[in-house]
Amino acid sequence: MSALEDEVHARLLSDPSNTVPGQGQIAALVRRADPLLGADGVARAVVGVASRVVGLGALDPLLG
């Protein structure tokens, strides 16, 4: 996991609403944390964060 993914993950965990974030919400947080990151980097970070939040973390890509 990257430092960017760690930062976005921590922000999501600190959200008091306790709702499952959508990819759009995760992407917005990624872009806010690193506004110069390209589209491919944003997409990779979104997948990484989403797998930690709603999936099986590092195992997610291996399973499907």
C-alpha atoms as a PDB file:
ATOM      1  CA  MET A   1       0.000   0.000   0.000  1.00  0.00           C
ATOM      2  CA  SER A   2       1.166   3.481  -0.758  1.00  0.00           C
ATOM      3  CA  ALA A   3       1.292   6.453   1.562  1.00  0.00           C
ATOM      4  CA  LEU A   4      -1.451   8.065  -0.533  1.00  0.00           C
ATOM      5  CA  GLU A   5      -3.721   5.052  -0.082  1.00  0.00           C
ATOM      6  CA  ASP A   6      -2.957   5.048   3.646  1.00  0.00           C
ATOM      7  CA  GLU A   7      -3.895   8.737   3.895  1.00  0.00           C
ATOM      8  CA  VAL A   8      -7.172   8.330   2.007  1.00  0.00           C
ATOM      9  CA  HIS A   9      -8.031   5.186   3.973  1.00  0.00           C
ATOM     10  CA  ALA A  10      -7.441   7.049   7.254  1.00  0.00           C
ATOM     11  CA  ARG A  11      -9.701   9.898   6.111  1.00  0.00           C
ATOM     12  CA  LEU A  12     -12.465   7.454   5.291  1.00  0.00           C
ATOM     13  CA  LEU A  13     -12.129   5.756   8.657  1.00  0.00           C
ATOM     14  CA  SER A  14     -12.391   9.107  10.426  1.00  0.00           C
ATOM     15  CA  ASP A  15     -15.683   9.916   8.646  1.00  0.00           C
ATOM     16  CA  PRO A  16     -18.398   9.855  11.329  1.00  0.00           C
ATOM     17  CA  SER A  17     -21.126   8.851   8.852  1.00  0.00           C
ATOM     18  CA  ASN A  18     -19.890   5.219   8.761  1.00  0.00           C
ATOM     19  CA  THR A  19     -21.214   4.786   5.224  1.00  0.00           C
ATOM     20  CA  VAL A  20     -19.535   2.614   2.608  1.00  0.00           C
ATOM     21  CA  PRO A  21     -17.865   5.024   0.180  1.00  0.00           C
ATOM     22  CA  GLY A  22     -18.401   4.791  -3.547  1.00  0.00           C
ATOM     23  CA  GLN A  23     -15.583   4.924  -6.062  1.00  0.00           C
ATOM     24  CA  GLY A  24     -16.440   8.547  -6.851  1.00  0.00           C
ATOM     25  CA  GLN A  25     -16.012   9.571  -3.218  1.00  0.00           C
ATOM     26  CA  ILE A  26     -12.721   7.702  -2.968  1.00  0.00           C
ATOM     27  CA  ALA A  27     -11.490   9.246  -6.226  1.00  0.00           C
ATOM     28  CA  ALA A  28     -12.347  12.737  -4.952  1.00  0.00           C
ATOM     29  CA  LEU A  29     -10.334  12.128  -1.779  1.00  0.00           C
ATOM     30  CA  VAL A  30      -7.404  10.785  -3.826  1.00  0.00           C
ATOM     31  CA  ARG A  31      -7.455  13.859  -6.079  1.00  0.00           C
ATOM     32  CA  ARG A  32      -7.674  16.156  -3.054  1.00  0.00           C
ATOM     33  CA  ALA A  33      -4.685  14.428  -1.459  1.00  0.00           C
ATOM     34  CA  ASP A  34      -2.611  14.438  -4.674  1.00  0.00           C
ATOM     35  CA  PRO A  35      -3.990  16.890  -7.247  1.00  0.00           C
ATOM     36  CA  LEU A  36      -1.145  16.241  -9.718  1.00  0.00           C
ATOM     37  CA  LEU A  37      -1.706  12.483  -9.894  1.00  0.00           C
ATOM     38  CA  GLY A  38      -2.714  11.261 -13.358  1.00  0.00           C
ATOM     39  CA  ALA A  39      -5.854   9.328 -14.197  1.00  0.00           C
ATOM     40  CA  ASP A  40      -4.090   5.943 -14.073  1.00  0.00           C
ATOM     41  CA  GLY A  41      -2.639   6.703 -10.641  1.00  0.00           C
ATOM     42  CA  VAL A  42      -6.020   7.822  -9.345  1.00  0.00           C
ATOM     43  CA  ALA A  43      -7.619   4.635 -10.651  1.00  0.00           C
ATOM     44  CA  ARG A  44      -4.959   2.436  -9.003  1.00  0.00           C
ATOM     45  CA  ALA A  45      -5.323   4.282  -5.703  1.00  0.00           C
ATOM     46  CA  VAL A  46      -9.124   3.981  -5.822  1.00  0.00           C
ATOM     47  CA  VAL A  47      -8.860   0.218  -6.345  1.00  0.00           C
ATOM     48  CA  GLY A  48      -6.347  -0.070  -3.507  1.00  0.00           C
ATOM     49  CA  VAL A  49      -8.403   1.953  -1.056  1.00  0.00           C
ATOM     50  CA  ALA A  50     -11.691   0.318  -2.046  1.00  0.00           C
ATOM     51  CA  SER A  51     -10.240  -3.142  -1.542  1.00  0.00           C
ATOM     52  CA  ARG A  52      -9.166  -2.164   1.972  1.00  0.00           C
ATOM     53  CA  VAL A  53     -12.495  -0.552   2.849  1.00  0.00           C
ATOM     54  CA  VAL A  54     -15.031  -2.961   1.352  1.00  0.00           C
ATOM     55  CA  GLY A  55     -13.013  -5.945   0.189  1.00  0.00           C
ATOM     56  CA  LEU A  56     -10.366  -8.281   1.399  1.00  0.00           C
ATOM     57  CA  GLY A  57      -7.467  -5.863   1.206  1.00  0.00           C
ATOM     58  CA  ALA A  58      -4.359  -7.202  -0.516  1.00  0.00           C
ATOM     59  CA  LEU A  59      -6.130 -10.498  -1.259  1.00  0.00           C
ATOM     60  CA  ASP A  60      -8.835  -8.841  -3.372  1.00  0.00           C
ATOM     61  CA  PRO A  61      -6.865  -8.684  -6.662  1.00  0.00           C
ATOM     62  CA  LEU A  62      -5.771 -12.305  -6.272  1.00  0.00           C
ATOM     63  CA  LEU A  63      -9.319 -13.546  -5.898  1.00  0.00           C
ATOM     64  CA  GLY A  64     -10.982 -11.919  -8.772  1.00  0.00           C
END
